[in-house]
Amino acid sequence: MATLNSHKLGPPFESRASRSRPRKAGQRPARWLALTLPLVLFALVGAAVAPAPEAFAESPTERVARIYAESQARFRRETNNSGAAWEFGRACFDLADLATNNTQRAELAQQGIEACRLAVARDPKSAAAHYYLGLNLGQWAQAKKFSALPTLGEMESAWKTAIAIDPKYDFAGAHHSLGLMYRDAPGWPISLGNRDKARFHLQKAVELSPEYPSNQLNWLETLLAWGDKKAVQAKIPSVEAVLSAARHKLTGDEWVLAWQDWDSRWQRIKAKANAQSLKSPREKG
């Protein structure tokens, strides 16, 4: 679930677990037509290709795996449909968040990358196609670690294009993703990391979609990482209000994983801000 969460490379995107929600609504490369997800992955996530009987509730992970299977089938049927291509790319990204190892993550990301590249080729004005291309490149980079640093340039380009087409798409998701990439990637001359750019895009995400919890949490986590606990403490009441309002709007099965992540991150943010305050008596008063 999102967040995003720090590792050395990033991920320079927010996990779909934290971003799952109803969304707006190719010919697959031949070498991928025969590729199917290893059965062990579906066993590990408890996936079900067909909807579960009413007597049994579908778990959040089963839901993600089912949507992957359904969108993959549609992508293979509707080979010239750019929407089917990027929707499959989105499903690949979501399921990659549940991968149990980097091999699985990279395999799913590669499927998503190829699907989204097809979508971009067929519909270059699709913000979704560019956006999910960037997200799948991010999953691939997460799996490959520092060997994937050259990929960040393509990620940057994909998200910048998505912003140029529709800056508010997916709750300003491209701004959000660029901000995390600039924040977490190594700086020049190794890579694209840049604090000023991170600040601009993370704040822009909050400005464009202030009602979306993860945009607020990302900014507070970033401020804490940069040592600005006073700013975090000042924002806690307003972010608490955002979370409270969102609980009444972002409801349903598609938001279960998101709220688990957001609640956990929110508690860590408050605890860290308070703990740092206790460790800094000189800054009191």
C-alpha atoms as a PDB file:
ATOM      1  CA  MET A   1       0.000   0.000   0.000  1.00  0.00           C
ATOM      2  CA  ALA A   2       1.468   3.082  -0.560  1.00  0.00           C
ATOM      3  CA  THR A   3       4.146   4.349   0.017  1.00  0.00           C
ATOM      4  CA  LEU A   4       5.698   4.657  -0.410  1.00  0.00           C
ATOM      5  CA  ASN A   5       7.937   4.082   1.479  1.00  0.00           C
ATOM      6  CA  SER A   6      11.356   4.451   1.434  1.00  0.00           C
ATOM      7  CA  HIS A   7      14.032   2.376  -0.047  1.00  0.00           C
ATOM      8  CA  LYS A   8      17.175   3.387  -1.711  1.00  0.00           C
ATOM      9  CA  LEU A   9      15.658   3.716  -5.150  1.00  0.00           C
ATOM     10  CA  GLY A  10      12.204   4.535  -3.994  1.00  0.00           C
ATOM     11  CA  PRO A  11       9.903   3.127  -5.118  1.00  0.00           C
ATOM     12  CA  PRO A  12       9.406   6.289  -7.113  1.00  0.00           C
ATOM     13  CA  PHE A  13       5.693   5.698  -7.052  1.00  0.00           C
ATOM     14  CA  GLU A  14       3.019   4.821  -4.651  1.00  0.00           C
ATOM     15  CA  SER A  15       1.974   1.245  -4.422  1.00  0.00           C
ATOM     16  CA  ARG A  16      -1.403   0.453  -5.871  1.00  0.00           C
ATOM     17  CA  ALA A  17      -2.525  -0.979  -2.604  1.00  0.00           C
ATOM     18  CA  SER A  18      -2.718   2.572  -1.421  1.00  0.00           C
ATOM     19  CA  ARG A  19      -4.113   3.870  -4.654  1.00  0.00           C
ATOM     20  CA  SER A  20      -6.721   1.238  -5.527  1.00  0.00           C
ATOM     21  CA  ARG A  21      -9.963   2.892  -6.583  1.00  0.00           C
ATOM     22  CA  PRO A  22     -12.499   2.955  -9.378  1.00  0.00           C
ATOM     23  CA  ARG A  23     -10.826   4.452 -12.432  1.00  0.00           C
ATOM     24  CA  LYS A  24     -11.796   6.213 -15.602  1.00  0.00           C
ATOM     25  CA  ALA A  25     -12.023   4.190 -18.042  1.00  0.00           C
ATOM     26  CA  GLY A  26      -3.380  -4.238 -27.998  1.00  0.00           C
ATOM     27  CA  GLN A  27      -1.723  -6.553 -29.698  1.00  0.00           C
ATOM     28  CA  ARG A  28       0.439  -8.137 -27.121  1.00  0.00           C
ATOM     29  CA  PRO A  29       4.003  -8.954 -28.166  1.00  0.00           C
ATOM     30  CA  ALA A  30       4.105 -12.567 -29.323  1.00  0.00           C
ATOM     31  CA  ARG A  31       6.657 -13.605 -26.733  1.00  0.00           C
ATOM     32  CA  TRP A  32       4.266 -12.658 -23.960  1.00  0.00           C
ATOM     33  CA  LEU A  33       1.178 -14.415 -25.353  1.00  0.00           C
ATOM     34  CA  ALA A  34       2.331 -17.711 -23.898  1.00  0.00           C
ATOM     35  CA  LEU A  35       3.479 -16.165 -20.634  1.00  0.00           C
ATOM     36  CA  THR A  36       1.254 -16.829 -17.656  1.00  0.00           C
ATOM     37  CA  LEU A  37       1.807 -15.929 -14.053  1.00  0.00           C
ATOM     38  CA  PRO A  38       3.437 -18.753 -12.081  1.00  0.00           C
ATOM     39  CA  LEU A  39       0.811 -20.748 -10.214  1.00  0.00           C
ATOM     40  CA  VAL A  40       2.739 -20.221  -7.028  1.00  0.00           C
ATOM     41  CA  LEU A  41       2.014 -16.479  -7.168  1.00  0.00           C
ATOM     42  CA  PHE A  42      -1.711 -17.051  -7.308  1.00  0.00           C
ATOM     43  CA  ALA A  43      -1.454 -19.628  -4.547  1.00  0.00           C
ATOM     44  CA  LEU A  44       0.428 -17.165  -2.366  1.00  0.00           C
ATOM     45  CA  VAL A  45      -2.064 -14.375  -2.849  1.00  0.00           C
ATOM     46  CA  GLY A  46      -5.107 -16.660  -2.749  1.00  0.00           C
ATOM     47  CA  ALA A  47      -6.193 -15.604  -6.212  1.00  0.00           C
ATOM     48  CA  ALA A  48      -9.408 -16.745  -7.811  1.00  0.00           C
ATOM     49  CA  VAL A  49      -9.981 -16.295 -11.526  1.00  0.00           C
ATOM     50  CA  ALA A  50     -13.752 -16.517 -11.178  1.00  0.00           C
ATOM     51  CA  PRO A  51     -15.705 -14.364  -8.722  1.00  0.00           C
ATOM     52  CA  ALA A  52     -15.994 -16.010  -5.329  1.00  0.00           C
ATOM     53  CA  PRO A  53     -19.370 -17.473  -4.341  1.00  0.00           C
ATOM     54  CA  GLU A  54     -21.538 -15.091  -2.375  1.00  0.00           C
ATOM     55  CA  ALA A  55     -21.103 -17.289   0.677  1.00  0.00           C
ATOM     56  CA  PHE A  56     -17.404 -16.408   0.770  1.00  0.00           C
ATOM     57  CA  ALA A  57     -16.053 -12.878   0.857  1.00  0.00           C
ATOM     58  CA  GLU A  58     -13.349 -12.018  -1.659  1.00  0.00           C
ATOM     59  CA  SER A  59     -10.192 -10.845   0.070  1.00  0.00           C
ATOM     60  CA  PRO A  60      -8.389  -7.697  -1.122  1.00  0.00           C
ATOM     61  CA  THR A  61      -5.540  -9.761  -2.572  1.00  0.00           C
ATOM     62  CA  GLU A  62      -7.958 -12.112  -4.321  1.00  0.00           C
ATOM     63  CA  ARG A  63      -9.645  -9.085  -5.833  1.00  0.00           C
ATOM     64  CA  VAL A  64      -6.349  -7.735  -7.210  1.00  0.00           C
ATOM     65  CA  ALA A  65      -5.425 -11.131  -8.715  1.00  0.00           C
ATOM     66  CA  ARG A  66      -8.903 -11.569 -10.227  1.00  0.00           C
ATOM     67  CA  ILE A  67      -8.741  -8.152 -11.894  1.00  0.00           C
ATOM     68  CA  TYR A  68      -5.312  -9.034 -13.277  1.00  0.00           C
ATOM     69  CA  ALA A  69      -6.643 -12.254 -14.828  1.00  0.00           C
ATOM     70  CA  GLU A  70      -9.742 -10.552 -16.230  1.00  0.00           C
ATOM     71  CA  SER A  71      -7.835  -7.621 -17.705  1.00  0.00           C
ATOM     72  CA  GLN A  72      -5.212  -9.954 -19.176  1.00  0.00           C
ATOM     73  CA  ALA A  73      -7.953 -11.949 -20.927  1.00  0.00           C
ATOM     74  CA  ARG A  74      -9.493  -8.744 -22.294  1.00  0.00           C
ATOM     75  CA  PHE A  75      -6.101  -7.465 -23.458  1.00  0.00           C
ATOM     76  CA  ARG A  76      -5.539 -10.673 -25.411  1.00  0.00           C
ATOM     77  CA  ARG A  77      -9.008 -10.501 -26.977  1.00  0.00           C
ATOM     78  CA  GLU A  78      -9.058  -6.790 -27.826  1.00  0.00           C
ATOM     79  CA  THR A  79      -5.641  -6.530 -29.405  1.00  0.00           C
ATOM     80  CA  ASN A  80      -6.223  -3.102 -30.921  1.00  0.00           C
ATOM     81  CA  ASN A  81      -7.831  -1.501 -27.874  1.00  0.00           C
ATOM     82  CA  SER A  82      -5.471   0.988 -26.202  1.00  0.00           C
ATOM     83  CA  GLY A  83      -7.756   1.161 -23.161  1.00  0.00           C
ATOM     84  CA  ALA A  84      -7.548  -2.593 -22.666  1.00  0.00           C
ATOM     85  CA  ALA A  85      -3.755  -2.314 -22.924  1.00  0.00           C
ATOM     86  CA  TRP A  86      -3.249   0.326 -20.242  1.00  0.00           C
ATOM     87  CA  GLU A  87      -5.866  -1.253 -17.988  1.00  0.00           C
ATOM     88  CA  PHE A  88      -3.886  -4.480 -18.128  1.00  0.00           C
ATOM     89  CA  GLY A  89      -0.780  -2.425 -17.380  1.00  0.00           C
ATOM     90  CA  ARG A  90      -2.531  -1.013 -14.328  1.00  0.00           C
ATOM     91  CA  ALA A  91      -3.476  -4.510 -13.172  1.00  0.00           C
ATOM     92  CA  CYS A  92       0.130  -5.660 -13.616  1.00  0.00           C
ATOM     93  CA  PHE A  93       1.285  -2.820 -11.391  1.00  0.00           C
ATOM     94  CA  ASP A  94      -1.306  -3.657  -8.736  1.00  0.00           C
ATOM     95  CA  LEU A  95      -0.426  -7.352  -8.647  1.00  0.00           C
ATOM     96  CA  ALA A  96       3.297  -6.595  -8.597  1.00  0.00           C
ATOM     97  CA  ASP A  97       2.704  -4.974  -5.211  1.00  0.00           C
ATOM     98  CA  LEU A  98       1.748  -8.418  -3.931  1.00  0.00           C
ATOM     99  CA  ALA A  99       4.739 -10.209  -5.429  1.00  0.00           C
ATOM    100  CA  THR A 100       6.725 -12.225  -2.921  1.00  0.00           C
ATOM    101  CA  ASN A 101      10.085 -11.795  -4.628  1.00  0.00           C
ATOM    102  CA  ASN A 102      11.836  -9.575  -7.145  1.00  0.00           C
ATOM    103  CA  THR A 103      11.599 -12.152  -9.929  1.00  0.00           C
ATOM    104  CA  GLN A 104       7.812 -12.101  -9.768  1.00  0.00           C
ATOM    105  CA  ARG A 105       7.762  -8.321  -9.437  1.00  0.00           C
ATOM    106  CA  ALA A 106      10.014  -7.843 -12.469  1.00  0.00           C
ATOM    107  CA  GLU A 107       7.987 -10.301 -14.570  1.00  0.00           C
ATOM    108  CA  LEU A 108       4.719  -8.538 -13.835  1.00  0.00           C
ATOM    109  CA  ALA A 109       6.288  -5.122 -14.357  1.00  0.00           C
ATOM    110  CA  GLN A 110       7.679  -6.192 -17.733  1.00  0.00           C
ATOM    111  CA  GLN A 111       4.213  -7.302 -18.822  1.00  0.00           C
ATOM    112  CA  GLY A 112       2.812  -3.964 -17.725  1.00  0.00           C
ATOM    113  CA  ILE A 113       5.583  -2.003 -19.450  1.00  0.00           C
ATOM    114  CA  GLU A 114       5.002  -3.726 -22.764  1.00  0.00           C
ATOM    115  CA  ALA A 115       1.230  -3.315 -22.538  1.00  0.00           C
ATOM    116  CA  CYS A 116       1.520   0.388 -21.723  1.00  0.00           C
ATOM    117  CA  ARG A 117       4.048   0.997 -24.474  1.00  0.00           C
ATOM    118  CA  LEU A 118       1.506  -0.454 -26.902  1.00  0.00           C
ATOM    119  CA  ALA A 119      -1.162   1.815 -25.424  1.00  0.00           C
ATOM    120  CA  VAL A 120       1.089   4.867 -25.790  1.00  0.00           C
ATOM    121  CA  ALA A 121       1.866   3.971 -29.389  1.00  0.00           C
ATOM    122  CA  ARG A 122      -1.822   3.649 -30.236  1.00  0.00           C
ATOM    123  CA  ASP A 123      -3.010   6.620 -28.206  1.00  0.00           C
ATOM    124  CA  PRO A 124      -0.169   9.035 -27.412  1.00  0.00           C
ATOM    125  CA  LYS A 125      -2.646  11.484 -25.844  1.00  0.00           C
ATOM    126  CA  SER A 126      -3.733   9.023 -23.160  1.00  0.00           C
ATOM    127  CA  ALA A 127      -2.622  10.290 -19.753  1.00  0.00           C
ATOM    128  CA  ALA A 128      -3.400   6.857 -18.281  1.00  0.00           C
ATOM    129  CA  ALA A 129      -1.129   5.019 -20.723  1.00  0.00           C
ATOM    130  CA  HIS A 130       1.861   7.256 -19.933  1.00  0.00           C
ATOM    131  CA  TYR A 131       1.103   7.252 -16.217  1.00  0.00           C
ATOM    132  CA  TYR A 132       0.923   3.462 -15.850  1.00  0.00           C
ATOM    133  CA  LEU A 133       3.964   3.048 -18.055  1.00  0.00           C
ATOM    134  CA  GLY A 134       5.873   5.101 -15.500  1.00  0.00           C
ATOM    135  CA  LEU A 135       4.444   3.124 -12.599  1.00  0.00           C
ATOM    136  CA  ASN A 136       5.400  -0.234 -14.112  1.00  0.00           C
ATOM    137  CA  LEU A 137       8.875   1.059 -14.884  1.00  0.00           C
ATOM    138  CA  GLY A 138       9.024   1.959 -11.207  1.00  0.00           C
ATOM    139  CA  GLN A 139       8.086  -1.573 -10.177  1.00  0.00           C
ATOM    140  CA  TRP A 140      10.769  -2.923 -12.484  1.00  0.00           C
ATOM    141  CA  ALA A 141      13.304  -0.506 -11.018  1.00  0.00           C
ATOM    142  CA  GLN A 142      12.335  -1.589  -7.520  1.00  0.00           C
ATOM    143  CA  ALA A 143      13.005  -5.204  -8.461  1.00  0.00           C
ATOM    144  CA  LYS A 144      16.299  -4.483 -10.208  1.00  0.00           C
ATOM    145  CA  LYS A 145      17.661  -1.970  -7.685  1.00  0.00           C
ATOM    146  CA  PHE A 146      20.632   0.118  -8.755  1.00  0.00           C
ATOM    147  CA  SER A 147      21.037  -1.675 -12.071  1.00  0.00           C
ATOM    148  CA  ALA A 148      17.774   0.013 -13.083  1.00  0.00           C
ATOM    149  CA  LEU A 149      18.967   3.599 -12.566  1.00  0.00           C
ATOM    150  CA  PRO A 150      19.022   4.277 -16.335  1.00  0.00           C
ATOM    151  CA  THR A 151      15.275   3.481 -16.364  1.00  0.00           C
ATOM    152  CA  LEU A 152      14.490   6.566 -14.309  1.00  0.00           C
ATOM    153  CA  GLY A 153      14.819   8.819 -17.325  1.00  0.00           C
ATOM    154  CA  GLU A 154      12.009   7.004 -19.115  1.00  0.00           C
ATOM    155  CA  MET A 155       9.906   7.090 -15.958  1.00  0.00           C
ATOM    156  CA  GLU A 156      10.443  10.828 -15.682  1.00  0.00           C
ATOM    157  CA  SER A 157       9.448  11.350 -19.299  1.00  0.00           C
ATOM    158  CA  ALA A 158       6.301   9.202 -18.958  1.00  0.00           C
ATOM    159  CA  TRP A 159       5.045  11.102 -15.915  1.00  0.00           C
ATOM    160  CA  LYS A 160       5.874  14.504 -17.365  1.00  0.00           C
ATOM    161  CA  THR A 161       3.861  13.589 -20.447  1.00  0.00           C
ATOM    162  CA  ALA A 162       0.948  12.431 -18.297  1.00  0.00           C
ATOM    163  CA  ILE A 163       1.039  15.756 -16.448  1.00  0.00           C
ATOM    164  CA  ALA A 164       1.034  17.706 -19.709  1.00  0.00           C
ATOM    165  CA  ILE A 165      -2.090  15.794 -20.796  1.00  0.00           C
ATOM    166  CA  ASP A 166      -4.004  15.713 -17.502  1.00  0.00           C
ATOM    167  CA  PRO A 167      -2.229  16.892 -14.324  1.00  0.00           C
ATOM    168  CA  LYS A 168      -5.121  15.791 -12.097  1.00  0.00           C
ATOM    169  CA  TYR A 169      -5.345  12.233 -13.387  1.00  0.00           C
ATOM    170  CA  ASP A 170      -5.508   9.645 -10.587  1.00  0.00           C
ATOM    171  CA  PHE A 171      -5.471  12.270  -7.837  1.00  0.00           C
ATOM    172  CA  ALA A 172      -2.477  14.062  -9.368  1.00  0.00           C
ATOM    173  CA  GLY A 173      -0.710  10.717  -9.428  1.00  0.00           C
ATOM    174  CA  ALA A 174       1.996  11.718 -11.894  1.00  0.00           C
ATOM    175  CA  HIS A 175       3.030  14.710  -9.754  1.00  0.00           C
ATOM    176  CA  HIS A 176       3.004  12.443  -6.724  1.00  0.00           C
ATOM    177  CA  SER A 177       5.119   9.814  -8.483  1.00  0.00           C
ATOM    178  CA  LEU A 178       7.640  12.308  -9.847  1.00  0.00           C
ATOM    179  CA  GLY A 179       7.994  13.842  -6.413  1.00  0.00           C
ATOM    180  CA  LEU A 180       8.807  10.505  -4.815  1.00  0.00           C
ATOM    181  CA  MET A 181      11.241   9.630  -7.582  1.00  0.00           C
ATOM    182  CA  TYR A 182      13.115  12.929  -7.207  1.00  0.00           C
ATOM    183  CA  ARG A 183      13.060  12.510  -3.429  1.00  0.00           C
ATOM    184  CA  ASP A 184      14.340   8.934  -3.266  1.00  0.00           C
ATOM    185  CA  ALA A 185      16.620   8.536  -6.287  1.00  0.00           C
ATOM    186  CA  PRO A 186      20.343   9.231  -5.906  1.00  0.00           C
ATOM    187  CA  GLY A 187      21.292  12.781  -6.849  1.00  0.00           C
ATOM    188  CA  TRP A 188      23.482  14.118  -9.621  1.00  0.00           C
ATOM    189  CA  PRO A 189      25.738  12.856 -11.139  1.00  0.00           C
ATOM    190  CA  ILE A 190      24.555   9.338 -10.319  1.00  0.00           C
ATOM    191  CA  SER A 191      20.879   9.835 -11.047  1.00  0.00           C
ATOM    192  CA  LEU A 192      17.912  12.248 -11.071  1.00  0.00           C
ATOM    193  CA  GLY A 193      17.407  12.853  -7.355  1.00  0.00           C
ATOM    194  CA  ASN A 194      16.652  16.505  -6.633  1.00  0.00           C
ATOM    195  CA  ARG A 195      15.134  17.962  -3.474  1.00  0.00           C
ATOM    196  CA  ASP A 196      13.783  21.112  -5.127  1.00  0.00           C
ATOM    197  CA  LYS A 197      11.984  19.100  -7.788  1.00  0.00           C
ATOM    198  CA  ALA A 198      10.694  16.675  -5.175  1.00  0.00           C
ATOM    199  CA  ARG A 199       9.289  19.557  -3.150  1.00  0.00           C
ATOM    200  CA  PHE A 200       7.610  21.099  -6.207  1.00  0.00           C
ATOM    201  CA  HIS A 201       5.851  17.929  -7.364  1.00  0.00           C
ATOM    202  CA  LEU A 202       4.828  16.646  -3.928  1.00  0.00           C
ATOM    203  CA  GLN A 203       3.368  20.041  -3.041  1.00  0.00           C
ATOM    204  CA  LYS A 204       1.671  20.217  -6.452  1.00  0.00           C
ATOM    205  CA  ALA A 205      -0.016  16.885  -5.770  1.00  0.00           C
ATOM    206  CA  VAL A 206      -1.358  18.266  -2.494  1.00  0.00           C
ATOM    207  CA  GLU A 207      -2.485  21.448  -4.239  1.00  0.00           C
ATOM    208  CA  LEU A 208      -4.317  19.627  -7.037  1.00  0.00           C
ATOM    209  CA  SER A 209      -5.824  16.828  -4.930  1.00  0.00           C
ATOM    210  CA  PRO A 210      -5.732  17.882  -1.273  1.00  0.00           C
ATOM    211  CA  GLU A 211      -8.558  15.466  -0.433  1.00  0.00           C
ATOM    212  CA  TYR A 212      -6.476  12.403  -1.303  1.00  0.00           C
ATOM    213  CA  PRO A 213      -4.866  11.006   1.883  1.00  0.00           C
ATOM    214  CA  SER A 214      -1.678   9.708   0.352  1.00  0.00           C
ATOM    215  CA  ASN A 215      -0.726  13.082  -1.121  1.00  0.00           C
ATOM    216  CA  GLN A 216      -0.889  14.560   2.374  1.00  0.00           C
ATOM    217  CA  LEU A 217       0.951  11.654   3.993  1.00  0.00           C
ATOM    218  CA  ASN A 218       3.709  11.682   1.377  1.00  0.00           C
ATOM    219  CA  TRP A 219       4.412  15.335   2.084  1.00  0.00           C
ATOM    220  CA  LEU A 220       4.503  14.851   5.852  1.00  0.00           C
ATOM    221  CA  GLU A 221       6.806  11.826   5.497  1.00  0.00           C
ATOM    222  CA  THR A 222       9.065  13.890   3.279  1.00  0.00           C
ATOM    223  CA  LEU A 223       9.180  16.764   5.755  1.00  0.00           C
ATOM    224  CA  LEU A 224      10.113  14.325   8.508  1.00  0.00           C
ATOM    225  CA  ALA A 225      12.829  12.802   6.327  1.00  0.00           C
ATOM    226  CA  TRP A 226      14.189  16.296   5.779  1.00  0.00           C
ATOM    227  CA  GLY A 227      14.119  17.042   9.514  1.00  0.00           C
ATOM    228  CA  ASP A 228      11.299  19.605   9.501  1.00  0.00           C
ATOM    229  CA  LYS A 229       9.256  18.159  12.367  1.00  0.00           C
ATOM    230  CA  LYS A 230       7.792  21.521  13.350  1.00  0.00           C
ATOM    231  CA  ALA A 231       6.085  21.794   9.976  1.00  0.00           C
ATOM    232  CA  VAL A 232       4.698  18.288  10.428  1.00  0.00           C
ATOM    233  CA  GLN A 233       3.366  19.049  13.891  1.00  0.00           C
ATOM    234  CA  ALA A 234       1.655  22.170  12.567  1.00  0.00           C
ATOM    235  CA  LYS A 235      -0.053  20.187   9.798  1.00  0.00           C
ATOM    236  CA  ILE A 236      -1.282  17.273  11.905  1.00  0.00           C
ATOM    237  CA  PRO A 237      -4.724  18.791  12.713  1.00  0.00           C
ATOM    238  CA  SER A 238      -5.506  19.659   9.089  1.00  0.00           C
ATOM    239  CA  VAL A 239      -4.363  16.279   7.786  1.00  0.00           C
ATOM    240  CA  GLU A 240      -6.419  14.573  10.488  1.00  0.00           C
ATOM    241  CA  ALA A 241      -9.443  16.412   9.079  1.00  0.00           C
ATOM    242  CA  VAL A 242      -8.593  15.276   5.540  1.00  0.00           C
ATOM    243  CA  LEU A 243      -8.397  11.660   6.657  1.00  0.00           C
ATOM    244  CA  SER A 244     -11.677  11.928   8.526  1.00  0.00           C
ATOM    245  CA  ALA A 245     -13.487  13.349   5.492  1.00  0.00           C
ATOM    246  CA  ALA A 246     -11.949  10.760   3.168  1.00  0.00           C
ATOM    247  CA  ARG A 247     -13.249   7.899   5.313  1.00  0.00           C
ATOM    248  CA  HIS A 248     -16.766   8.837   4.258  1.00  0.00           C
ATOM    249  CA  LYS A 249     -15.913   9.074   0.560  1.00  0.00           C
ATOM    250  CA  LEU A 250     -13.291   6.444  -0.167  1.00  0.00           C
ATOM    251  CA  THR A 251     -15.196   3.352   0.862  1.00  0.00           C
ATOM    252  CA  GLY A 252     -15.727  -0.151  -0.463  1.00  0.00           C
ATOM    253  CA  ASP A 253     -13.612  -3.202  -1.172  1.00  0.00           C
ATOM    254  CA  GLU A 254     -11.265  -1.353  -3.501  1.00  0.00           C
ATOM    255  CA  TRP A 255     -10.139   0.889  -0.636  1.00  0.00           C
ATOM    256  CA  VAL A 256      -9.477  -1.737   2.071  1.00  0.00           C
ATOM    257  CA  LEU A 257      -5.748  -2.095   1.404  1.00  0.00           C
ATOM    258  CA  ALA A 258      -5.390   1.637   0.990  1.00  0.00           C
ATOM    259  CA  TRP A 259      -6.846   2.413   4.386  1.00  0.00           C
ATOM    260  CA  GLN A 260      -4.753  -0.242   6.081  1.00  0.00           C
ATOM    261  CA  ASP A 261      -1.682   1.459   4.670  1.00  0.00           C
ATOM    262  CA  TRP A 262      -2.791   5.032   5.305  1.00  0.00           C
ATOM    263  CA  ASP A 263      -3.765   4.329   8.921  1.00  0.00           C
ATOM    264  CA  SER A 264      -0.426   2.641   9.573  1.00  0.00           C
ATOM    265  CA  ARG A 265       1.541   5.481   7.982  1.00  0.00           C
ATOM    266  CA  TRP A 266      -0.476   8.108   9.835  1.00  0.00           C
ATOM    267  CA  GLN A 267       0.285   6.522  13.191  1.00  0.00           C
ATOM    268  CA  ARG A 268       3.990   6.348  12.350  1.00  0.00           C
ATOM    269  CA  ILE A 269       4.038   9.983  11.262  1.00  0.00           C
ATOM    270  CA  LYS A 270       2.446  11.163  14.507  1.00  0.00           C
ATOM    271  CA  ALA A 271       4.652   8.944  16.633  1.00  0.00           C
ATOM    272  CA  LYS A 272       7.812  10.084  14.862  1.00  0.00           C
ATOM    273  CA  ALA A 273       6.894  13.744  15.095  1.00  0.00           C
ATOM    274  CA  ASN A 274       6.214  13.441  18.817  1.00  0.00           C
ATOM    275  CA  ALA A 275       9.314  11.352  19.482  1.00  0.00           C
ATOM    276  CA  GLN A 276      11.513  13.825  17.668  1.00  0.00           C
ATOM    277  CA  SER A 277       9.952  16.629  19.655  1.00  0.00           C
ATOM    278  CA  LEU A 278      10.893  14.923  22.922  1.00  0.00           C
ATOM    279  CA  LYS A 279      14.451  14.464  21.663  1.00  0.00           C
ATOM    280  CA  SER A 280      14.799  18.140  20.802  1.00  0.00           C
ATOM    281  CA  PRO A 281      14.194  20.115  24.011  1.00  0.00           C
ATOM    282  CA  ARG A 282      16.120  23.085  22.627  1.00  0.00           C
ATOM    283  CA  GLU A 283      13.403  23.539  20.009  1.00  0.00           C
ATOM    284  CA  LYS A 284      10.579  23.713  22.518  1.00  0.00           C
ATOM    285  CA  GLY A 285       9.049  27.062  23.260  1.00  0.00           C
END
